[in-house]
Each structure stands twice: as structure tokens, then as C-alpha cells.
């Protein structure tokens, strides 16, 4: 199947992560974590270009060592969205959509990326698309939860256990999956605005998009994926990758 044109994937990568230092360079099955992300994105069928947006030459050199396309960006960005905007501008090319795939998800599902592209192309009114996975209703501040309405429009993102089930009937919550699709205009508008209060409080960058009135939509995917935020996530990733079906396609 021929890959469609006009879909750019940018992978923001920061060296000095606070909870797990230099996590994007940690080795998993003989490959740095960030290279797993890059190689898995390449397995998606509906994308045309992929670049790692690095904030440090150490990551840039690592990417080049493994044959990955990379762009060196400023260390001053407040979040990954601002980093990919710089990367996009440096490319000086036109794309229909720009996907932000987080650099700390070594088990990202390439098929999920294709489904995000399909959904956004069918929902042209959306400025941004953030898919979700249904997870058990429990508290974990490292997992960002989504509250949405019947039109798939996102109302709020939070690290809290929301929507709070007062009668304890709902067993599932919507987990923010780390694939975010922007129109070029939406990415430009987002980065032209300053951080908002909700964004600063929750430490969730896409709250800025909601605060400035952007149309952010979601839909539910099946499967599983997780970010490597702390050491136990890294240990878990090393265990899971051995039996992962996509890893067998690029190892």
C-alpha cells in the first residue's frame, strides 16, 4: 500500500527529563528508547515524513547513528508542541496534518497512528485530534484523562480521576494517548499564545488549546500503550518489547 502524501510526524525529544533522566536514550532490547519510537512510526502506512526534534546534540547524534532523520531545536521550549513547531518551520514544506508522537512511548502502535490520520481527515472541523484508550478507573497522576461530550469534543484534560464517579458505577476512564494530530494552522495558533493558568496548574500542554477556544476532538482506540515516565515504566517496557509483534518487524 502506497503511503499518502502530506502527513508529517514529528517526535519531540528532551534530554533532561525530570522523573527519569535521559530516558529517551535508555536502552531497550539493544536500541535507545527514542529509536524504538522512530522505527515504529515508520511502520505506519499513512504518513510521508518522520523527524525527531531534539533539544540536545547528544540525541541528534544518537538519531543519526541509527539512520533516523532529526532536527536540532532550542532548549528553551516549554513543551513538546512548541518544539515540533520549530521543527516544522525549519522543514519549510507544506503538509496537510502534523502529528506529534511522544518520544517516550517505545511500544506505540503504528496502526493507531493511521487511525488518527483517518479520523482527522474525516473530521475537518477539528483543529486538533487526541485519541483515547479506555483504562480502569483508578488514580495515577502520570496518566492524563480526557472528558469529552457526545460530539467527540474534548471538554477538559486532567491528571485527576475524572469524570469523578460519585456512585461508583463507571469502571473506565479515557486515557490521553500520546499521538496528537494538528492542522498546520492549529499548530501555529497554539504556539502563538502564552501558557494558560490551567496548563500551568495541571502541567498538561493541550489545556492551552482548550483555554483559547480551539476545537479538540477525540475518539476511542483499542489496545494498549504507555509512556515511560518513571523507572518502573522502563522496566515494564523492557519486559513487554520482547514479545511485541511490531518489534519483530524492525529489530
C-alpha atoms as a PDB file:
ATOM      1  CA  UNK A   1       0.000   0.000   0.000  1.00  0.00           C
ATOM      2  CA  UNK A   2       1.462   3.353  -1.028  1.00  0.00           C
ATOM      3  CA  UNK A   3       1.936   5.915   1.716  1.00  0.00           C
ATOM      4  CA  UNK A   4      -0.194   9.013   1.342  1.00  0.00           C
ATOM      5  CA  UNK A   5       1.443  12.417   0.954  1.00  0.00           C
ATOM      6  CA  UNK A   6       1.086  15.379   3.221  1.00  0.00           C
ATOM      7  CA  UNK A   7       1.239  13.748   6.662  1.00  0.00           C
ATOM      8  CA  UNK A   8       4.230  14.730   8.781  1.00  0.00           C
ATOM      9  CA  UNK A   9       5.174  13.051  12.057  1.00  0.00           C
ATOM     10  CA  UNK A  10       7.426  14.915  14.472  1.00  0.00           C
ATOM     11  CA  UNK A  11       8.791  13.241  17.605  1.00  0.00           C
ATOM     12  CA  UNK A  12       9.848  15.730  20.310  1.00  0.00           C
ATOM     13  CA  UNK A  13      12.762  14.504  22.417  1.00  0.00           C
ATOM     14  CA  UNK A  14      14.171  16.241  25.501  1.00  0.00           C
ATOM     15  CA  UNK A  15      17.378  15.121  27.212  1.00  0.00           C
ATOM     16  CA  UNK A  16      16.847  16.364  30.755  1.00  0.00           C
ATOM     17  CA  UNK A  17      13.554  14.716  31.668  1.00  0.00           C
ATOM     18  CA  UNK A  18      12.881  15.250  35.376  1.00  0.00           C
ATOM     19  CA  UNK A  19      11.296  11.992  36.560  1.00  0.00           C
ATOM     20  CA  UNK A  20      13.644   9.708  34.620  1.00  0.00           C
ATOM     21  CA  UNK A  21      16.827  11.475  33.434  1.00  0.00           C
ATOM     22  CA  UNK A  22      17.878  10.937  29.802  1.00  0.00           C
ATOM     23  CA  UNK A  23      15.060   8.441  29.342  1.00  0.00           C
ATOM     24  CA  UNK A  24      14.919   8.801  25.542  1.00  0.00           C
ATOM     25  CA  UNK A  25      18.435   7.322  25.361  1.00  0.00           C
ATOM     26  CA  UNK A  26      17.817   4.396  27.714  1.00  0.00           C
ATOM     27  CA  UNK A  27      18.495   1.008  26.052  1.00  0.00           C
ATOM     28  CA  UNK A  28      15.612  -1.347  25.404  1.00  0.00           C
ATOM     29  CA  UNK A  29      16.496  -4.579  23.583  1.00  0.00           C
ATOM     30  CA  UNK A  30      19.745  -3.038  22.261  1.00  0.00           C
ATOM     31  CA  UNK A  31      18.093   0.105  20.875  1.00  0.00           C
ATOM     32  CA  UNK A  32      17.682   3.538  22.511  1.00  0.00           C
ATOM     33  CA  UNK A  33      14.093   4.233  23.538  1.00  0.00           C
ATOM     34  CA  UNK A  34      13.725   7.087  21.034  1.00  0.00           C
ATOM     35  CA  UNK A  35      14.811   4.835  18.157  1.00  0.00           C
ATOM     36  CA  UNK A  36      12.057   2.366  19.012  1.00  0.00           C
ATOM     37  CA  UNK A  37       9.550   5.213  18.681  1.00  0.00           C
ATOM     38  CA  UNK A  38      11.026   6.345  15.354  1.00  0.00           C
ATOM     39  CA  UNK A  39      11.118   2.863  13.825  1.00  0.00           C
ATOM     40  CA  UNK A  40       7.568   2.108  14.909  1.00  0.00           C
ATOM     41  CA  UNK A  41       6.280   5.358  13.400  1.00  0.00           C
ATOM     42  CA  UNK A  42       7.879   4.290  10.108  1.00  0.00           C
ATOM     43  CA  UNK A  43       5.637   1.212  10.154  1.00  0.00           C
ATOM     44  CA  UNK A  44       2.538   3.416   9.844  1.00  0.00           C
ATOM     45  CA  UNK A  45       1.125   3.359   6.300  1.00  0.00           C
ATOM     46  CA  UNK A  46      -0.450   6.801   6.093  1.00  0.00           C
ATOM     47  CA  UNK A  47       2.491   9.060   6.850  1.00  0.00           C
ATOM     48  CA  UNK A  48       5.000  10.627   4.484  1.00  0.00           C
ATOM     49  CA  UNK A  49       7.837  12.064   6.620  1.00  0.00           C
ATOM     50  CA  UNK A  50       9.185  11.428  10.128  1.00  0.00           C
ATOM     51  CA  UNK A  51      11.700  13.511  12.081  1.00  0.00           C
ATOM     52  CA  UNK A  52      12.949  13.502  15.666  1.00  0.00           C
ATOM     53  CA  UNK A  53      13.010  17.041  17.083  1.00  0.00           C
ATOM     54  CA  UNK A  54      15.961  17.037  19.502  1.00  0.00           C
ATOM     55  CA  UNK A  55      16.773  19.592  22.175  1.00  0.00           C
ATOM     56  CA  UNK A  56      20.360  18.372  22.539  1.00  0.00           C
ATOM     57  CA  UNK A  57      23.123  17.306  20.181  1.00  0.00           C
ATOM     58  CA  UNK A  58      23.515  14.059  22.144  1.00  0.00           C
ATOM     59  CA  UNK A  59      20.042  12.973  20.994  1.00  0.00           C
ATOM     60  CA  UNK A  60      20.674  14.342  17.498  1.00  0.00           C
ATOM     61  CA  UNK A  61      23.886  12.299  17.195  1.00  0.00           C
ATOM     62  CA  UNK A  62      22.123   9.201  18.519  1.00  0.00           C
ATOM     63  CA  UNK A  63      19.399   9.594  15.890  1.00  0.00           C
ATOM     64  CA  UNK A  64      21.947   9.958  13.105  1.00  0.00           C
ATOM     65  CA  UNK A  65      23.864   6.898  14.343  1.00  0.00           C
ATOM     66  CA  UNK A  66      20.756   4.769  13.795  1.00  0.00           C
ATOM     67  CA  UNK A  67      19.841   6.384  10.473  1.00  0.00           C
ATOM     68  CA  UNK A  68      16.928   8.440  11.791  1.00  0.00           C
ATOM     69  CA  UNK A  69      16.020  11.861  10.393  1.00  0.00           C
ATOM     70  CA  UNK A  70      16.491  14.529  13.045  1.00  0.00           C
ATOM     71  CA  UNK A  71      16.231  18.288  13.611  1.00  0.00           C
ATOM     72  CA  UNK A  72      18.136  20.136  16.323  1.00  0.00           C
ATOM     73  CA  UNK A  73      15.865  22.568  18.183  1.00  0.00           C
ATOM     74  CA  UNK A  74      16.127  25.078  21.014  1.00  0.00           C
ATOM     75  CA  UNK A  75      16.390  24.032  24.668  1.00  0.00           C
ATOM     76  CA  UNK A  76      14.063  26.884  25.671  1.00  0.00           C
ATOM     77  CA  UNK A  77      10.721  25.388  24.640  1.00  0.00           C
ATOM     78  CA  UNK A  78       8.185  24.894  27.416  1.00  0.00           C
ATOM     79  CA  UNK A  79       6.742  21.717  25.906  1.00  0.00           C
ATOM     80  CA  UNK A  80       6.879  19.267  23.009  1.00  0.00           C
ATOM     81  CA  UNK A  81       4.270  21.129  20.971  1.00  0.00           C
ATOM     82  CA  UNK A  82       6.420  24.247  20.879  1.00  0.00           C
ATOM     83  CA  UNK A  83       9.403  22.061  19.924  1.00  0.00           C
ATOM     84  CA  UNK A  84       7.649  20.463  16.942  1.00  0.00           C
ATOM     85  CA  UNK A  85       6.518  23.901  15.737  1.00  0.00           C
ATOM     86  CA  UNK A  86      10.160  24.917  15.441  1.00  0.00           C
ATOM     87  CA  UNK A  87      10.920  21.651  13.655  1.00  0.00           C
ATOM     88  CA  UNK A  88       8.039  22.164  11.252  1.00  0.00           C
ATOM     89  CA  UNK A  89       9.166  25.691  10.402  1.00  0.00           C
ATOM     90  CA  UNK A  90      12.718  24.513   9.737  1.00  0.00           C
ATOM     91  CA  UNK A  91      11.491  21.972   7.195  1.00  0.00           C
ATOM     92  CA  UNK A  92       9.871  24.708   5.082  1.00  0.00           C
ATOM     93  CA  UNK A  93       7.420  22.251   3.500  1.00  0.00           C
ATOM     94  CA  UNK A  94       3.642  22.082   3.306  1.00  0.00           C
ATOM     95  CA  UNK A  95       1.704  19.271   4.972  1.00  0.00           C
ATOM     96  CA  UNK A  96      -1.989  18.574   5.456  1.00  0.00           C
ATOM     97  CA  UNK A  97      -1.505  17.354   9.020  1.00  0.00           C
ATOM     98  CA  UNK A  98       1.303  17.396  11.572  1.00  0.00           C
ATOM     99  CA  UNK A  99       1.334  14.565  14.104  1.00  0.00           C
ATOM    100  CA  UNK A 100       3.120  14.860  17.424  1.00  0.00           C
ATOM    101  CA  UNK A 101       4.151  11.384  18.617  1.00  0.00           C
ATOM    102  CA  UNK A 102       5.722  11.497  22.053  1.00  0.00           C
ATOM    103  CA  UNK A 103       9.311  10.306  22.258  1.00  0.00           C
ATOM    104  CA  UNK A 104       8.777   8.232  25.405  1.00  0.00           C
ATOM    105  CA  UNK A 105       6.362   5.578  24.076  1.00  0.00           C
ATOM    106  CA  UNK A 106       8.554   2.691  22.842  1.00  0.00           C
ATOM    107  CA  UNK A 107       5.504   0.461  22.358  1.00  0.00           C
ATOM    108  CA  UNK A 108       3.436   2.905  20.303  1.00  0.00           C
ATOM    109  CA  UNK A 109       1.127   1.081  17.877  1.00  0.00           C
ATOM    110  CA  UNK A 110       1.697   2.129  14.215  1.00  0.00           C
ATOM    111  CA  UNK A 111      -1.905   1.214  13.390  1.00  0.00           C
ATOM    112  CA  UNK A 112      -3.089   3.770  15.937  1.00  0.00           C
ATOM    113  CA  UNK A 113      -1.192   6.446  14.030  1.00  0.00           C
ATOM    114  CA  UNK A 114      -3.002   5.515  10.804  1.00  0.00           C
ATOM    115  CA  UNK A 115      -6.372   5.616  12.568  1.00  0.00           C
ATOM    116  CA  UNK A 116      -5.651   9.088  13.934  1.00  0.00           C
ATOM    117  CA  UNK A 117      -4.847  10.287  10.402  1.00  0.00           C
ATOM    118  CA  UNK A 118      -8.078   8.759   9.050  1.00  0.00           C
ATOM    119  CA  UNK A 119     -10.189  10.297  11.819  1.00  0.00           C
ATOM    120  CA  UNK A 120      -8.735  13.773  11.382  1.00  0.00           C
ATOM    121  CA  UNK A 121      -9.107  13.725   7.599  1.00  0.00           C
ATOM    122  CA  UNK A 122     -12.785  12.789   8.073  1.00  0.00           C
ATOM    123  CA  UNK A 123     -13.318  15.412  10.806  1.00  0.00           C
ATOM    124  CA  UNK A 124     -12.039  18.503   9.046  1.00  0.00           C
ATOM    125  CA  UNK A 125     -13.672  20.812  11.602  1.00  0.00           C
ATOM    126  CA  UNK A 126     -11.218  19.616  14.257  1.00  0.00           C
ATOM    127  CA  UNK A 127      -8.186  21.796  14.912  1.00  0.00           C
ATOM    128  CA  UNK A 128      -6.563  19.034  16.929  1.00  0.00           C
ATOM    129  CA  UNK A 129      -7.292  15.323  17.403  1.00  0.00           C
ATOM    130  CA  UNK A 130      -6.232  13.401  20.524  1.00  0.00           C
ATOM    131  CA  UNK A 131      -7.248   9.720  20.616  1.00  0.00           C
ATOM    132  CA  UNK A 132      -8.003   7.898  23.850  1.00  0.00           C
ATOM    133  CA  UNK A 133      -7.769   4.415  25.294  1.00  0.00           C
ATOM    134  CA  UNK A 134     -10.215   3.115  27.886  1.00  0.00           C
ATOM    135  CA  UNK A 135      -8.485   2.240  31.151  1.00  0.00           C
ATOM    136  CA  UNK A 136      -9.538   1.042  34.586  1.00  0.00           C
ATOM    137  CA  UNK A 137     -10.935   3.724  36.862  1.00  0.00           C
ATOM    138  CA  UNK A 138      -8.030   4.279  39.235  1.00  0.00           C
ATOM    139  CA  UNK A 139      -5.856   7.192  40.273  1.00  0.00           C
ATOM    140  CA  UNK A 140      -2.476   7.722  38.572  1.00  0.00           C
ATOM    141  CA  UNK A 141      -1.238  11.304  38.249  1.00  0.00           C
ATOM    142  CA  UNK A 142       1.103  10.335  35.401  1.00  0.00           C
ATOM    143  CA  UNK A 143      -1.867   9.380  33.205  1.00  0.00           C
ATOM    144  CA  UNK A 144      -3.756  12.263  31.609  1.00  0.00           C
ATOM    145  CA  UNK A 145      -7.509  11.668  31.456  1.00  0.00           C
ATOM    146  CA  UNK A 146      -9.969  13.079  28.914  1.00  0.00           C
ATOM    147  CA  UNK A 147     -13.543  14.275  29.420  1.00  0.00           C
ATOM    148  CA  UNK A 148     -15.485  14.564  26.156  1.00  0.00           C
ATOM    149  CA  UNK A 149     -19.079  15.066  25.004  1.00  0.00           C
ATOM    150  CA  UNK A 150     -21.307  13.126  22.591  1.00  0.00           C
ATOM    151  CA  UNK A 151     -19.871  15.010  19.600  1.00  0.00           C
ATOM    152  CA  UNK A 152     -16.381  13.726  20.493  1.00  0.00           C
ATOM    153  CA  UNK A 153     -15.335  17.236  21.515  1.00  0.00           C
ATOM    154  CA  UNK A 154     -12.899  17.357  24.421  1.00  0.00           C
ATOM    155  CA  UNK A 155     -14.128  19.403  27.368  1.00  0.00           C
ATOM    156  CA  UNK A 156     -11.135  19.001  29.673  1.00  0.00           C
ATOM    157  CA  UNK A 157      -7.848  17.173  30.289  1.00  0.00           C
ATOM    158  CA  UNK A 158      -6.739  16.329  33.819  1.00  0.00           C
ATOM    159  CA  UNK A 159      -4.343  14.261  35.892  1.00  0.00           C
ATOM    160  CA  UNK A 160      -7.205  13.802  38.349  1.00  0.00           C
ATOM    161  CA  UNK A 161      -9.609  10.880  38.322  1.00  0.00           C
ATOM    162  CA  UNK A 162     -12.239  12.464  36.070  1.00  0.00           C
ATOM    163  CA  UNK A 163     -15.062  12.381  35.386  1.00  0.00           C
ATOM    164  CA  UNK A 164     -15.440  11.522  39.071  1.00  0.00           C
ATOM    165  CA  UNK A 165     -17.885   8.654  39.518  1.00  0.00           C
ATOM    166  CA  UNK A 166     -19.897   9.593  42.585  1.00  0.00           C
ATOM    167  CA  UNK A 167     -21.965   6.373  42.516  1.00  0.00           C
ATOM    168  CA  UNK A 168     -19.013   4.159  41.543  1.00  0.00           C
ATOM    169  CA  UNK A 169     -20.762   2.670  38.508  1.00  0.00           C
ATOM    170  CA  UNK A 170     -18.326   3.576  35.734  1.00  0.00           C
ATOM    171  CA  UNK A 171     -15.324   1.257  35.553  1.00  0.00           C
ATOM    172  CA  UNK A 172     -13.489   3.002  32.714  1.00  0.00           C
ATOM    173  CA  UNK A 173     -11.798   6.349  32.112  1.00  0.00           C
ATOM    174  CA  UNK A 174     -10.446   7.823  28.860  1.00  0.00           C
ATOM    175  CA  UNK A 175      -6.658   7.923  28.786  1.00  0.00           C
ATOM    176  CA  UNK A 176      -4.915  10.535  26.607  1.00  0.00           C
ATOM    177  CA  UNK A 177      -2.922   8.597  24.018  1.00  0.00           C
ATOM    178  CA  UNK A 178       0.374  10.216  23.043  1.00  0.00           C
ATOM    179  CA  UNK A 179      -0.439  10.806  19.372  1.00  0.00           C
ATOM    180  CA  UNK A 180      -1.702  14.332  18.672  1.00  0.00           C
ATOM    181  CA  UNK A 181      -2.754  15.499  15.216  1.00  0.00           C
ATOM    182  CA  UNK A 182      -2.691  19.207  14.326  1.00  0.00           C
ATOM    183  CA  UNK A 183      -3.651  21.133  11.252  1.00  0.00           C
ATOM    184  CA  UNK A 184      -0.755  23.481  10.377  1.00  0.00           C
ATOM    185  CA  UNK A 185      -2.981  26.457  11.226  1.00  0.00           C
ATOM    186  CA  UNK A 186      -3.831  24.990  14.635  1.00  0.00           C
ATOM    187  CA  UNK A 187      -0.185  24.354  15.484  1.00  0.00           C
ATOM    188  CA  UNK A 188       0.675  27.934  14.555  1.00  0.00           C
ATOM    189  CA  UNK A 189      -2.196  29.359  16.616  1.00  0.00           C
ATOM    190  CA  UNK A 190      -1.361  27.227  19.654  1.00  0.00           C
ATOM    191  CA  UNK A 191       2.287  28.269  19.710  1.00  0.00           C
ATOM    192  CA  UNK A 192       1.442  31.942  19.196  1.00  0.00           C
ATOM    193  CA  UNK A 193      -0.289  32.025  22.600  1.00  0.00           C
ATOM    194  CA  UNK A 194       1.263  32.147  26.048  1.00  0.00           C
ATOM    195  CA  UNK A 195       0.876  29.411  28.638  1.00  0.00           C
ATOM    196  CA  UNK A 196      -2.516  29.495  30.318  1.00  0.00           C
ATOM    197  CA  UNK A 197      -3.322  29.106  34.006  1.00  0.00           C
ATOM    198  CA  UNK A 198      -4.895  25.652  33.637  1.00  0.00           C
ATOM    199  CA  UNK A 199      -1.917  24.485  31.588  1.00  0.00           C
ATOM    200  CA  UNK A 200       0.480  25.617  34.302  1.00  0.00           C
ATOM    201  CA  UNK A 201      -1.557  24.077  37.135  1.00  0.00           C
ATOM    202  CA  UNK A 202      -2.086  20.636  35.578  1.00  0.00           C
ATOM    203  CA  UNK A 203       1.181  20.571  33.578  1.00  0.00           C
ATOM    204  CA  UNK A 204      -0.821  19.462  30.529  1.00  0.00           C
ATOM    205  CA  UNK A 205       0.141  21.435  27.448  1.00  0.00           C
ATOM    206  CA  UNK A 206      -3.055  20.835  25.452  1.00  0.00           C
ATOM    207  CA  UNK A 207      -5.114  22.662  28.063  1.00  0.00           C
ATOM    208  CA  UNK A 208      -3.818  25.778  26.325  1.00  0.00           C
ATOM    209  CA  UNK A 209      -5.704  24.734  23.194  1.00  0.00           C
ATOM    210  CA  UNK A 210      -8.965  24.370  25.145  1.00  0.00           C
ATOM    211  CA  UNK A 211      -8.413  27.624  27.024  1.00  0.00           C
ATOM    212  CA  UNK A 212      -8.071  29.622  23.785  1.00  0.00           C
ATOM    213  CA  UNK A 213     -11.187  28.045  22.292  1.00  0.00           C
ATOM    214  CA  UNK A 214      -9.755  25.536  19.822  1.00  0.00           C
ATOM    215  CA  UNK A 215     -11.846  22.590  18.608  1.00  0.00           C
ATOM    216  CA  UNK A 216     -10.140  19.491  20.016  1.00  0.00           C
ATOM    217  CA  UNK A 217     -11.712  16.122  19.266  1.00  0.00           C
ATOM    218  CA  UNK A 218     -11.171  12.578  20.489  1.00  0.00           C
ATOM    219  CA  UNK A 219     -12.161   9.028  19.623  1.00  0.00           C
ATOM    220  CA  UNK A 220     -11.517   5.689  21.313  1.00  0.00           C
ATOM    221  CA  UNK A 221      -8.923   3.211  20.101  1.00  0.00           C
ATOM    222  CA  UNK A 222      -8.475  -0.393  21.177  1.00  0.00           C
ATOM    223  CA  UNK A 223      -5.290  -1.858  22.551  1.00  0.00           C
ATOM    224  CA  UNK A 224      -2.700  -0.611  24.993  1.00  0.00           C
ATOM    225  CA  UNK A 225       0.226   1.779  25.170  1.00  0.00           C
ATOM    226  CA  UNK A 226       2.088   3.572  27.920  1.00  0.00           C
ATOM    227  CA  UNK A 227       4.663   6.283  28.392  1.00  0.00           C
ATOM    228  CA  UNK A 228       7.974   5.664  30.116  1.00  0.00           C
ATOM    229  CA  UNK A 229       7.629   8.258  32.863  1.00  0.00           C
ATOM    230  CA  UNK A 230       9.406   6.586  35.781  1.00  0.00           C
ATOM    231  CA  UNK A 231      11.818   3.691  36.325  1.00  0.00           C
ATOM    232  CA  UNK A 232       9.116   1.066  36.756  1.00  0.00           C
ATOM    233  CA  UNK A 233       7.711   2.025  33.336  1.00  0.00           C
ATOM    234  CA  UNK A 234      11.166   1.470  31.821  1.00  0.00           C
ATOM    235  CA  UNK A 235      11.410  -1.976  33.420  1.00  0.00           C
ATOM    236  CA  UNK A 236       7.930  -2.793  32.155  1.00  0.00           C
ATOM    237  CA  UNK A 237       8.824  -1.678  28.609  1.00  0.00           C
ATOM    238  CA  UNK A 238      11.909  -3.891  28.549  1.00  0.00           C
ATOM    239  CA  UNK A 239       9.757  -6.846  29.565  1.00  0.00           C
ATOM    240  CA  UNK A 240       6.964  -6.210  27.050  1.00  0.00           C
ATOM    241  CA  UNK A 241       9.117  -5.414  23.994  1.00  0.00           C
ATOM    242  CA  UNK A 242      10.453  -8.973  23.761  1.00  0.00           C
ATOM    243  CA  UNK A 243       7.031 -10.338  22.797  1.00  0.00           C
ATOM    244  CA  UNK A 244       5.814  -7.314  20.845  1.00  0.00           C
ATOM    245  CA  UNK A 245       4.661  -8.094  17.300  1.00  0.00           C
ATOM    246  CA  UNK A 246       5.823  -4.790  15.821  1.00  0.00           C
ATOM    247  CA  UNK A 247       9.294  -5.039  17.360  1.00  0.00           C
ATOM    248  CA  UNK A 248       9.837  -8.186  15.312  1.00  0.00           C
ATOM    249  CA  UNK A 249       9.411  -6.126  12.133  1.00  0.00           C
ATOM    250  CA  UNK A 250      12.322  -3.758  12.784  1.00  0.00           C
ATOM    251  CA  UNK A 251      14.698  -5.294  15.331  1.00  0.00           C
END
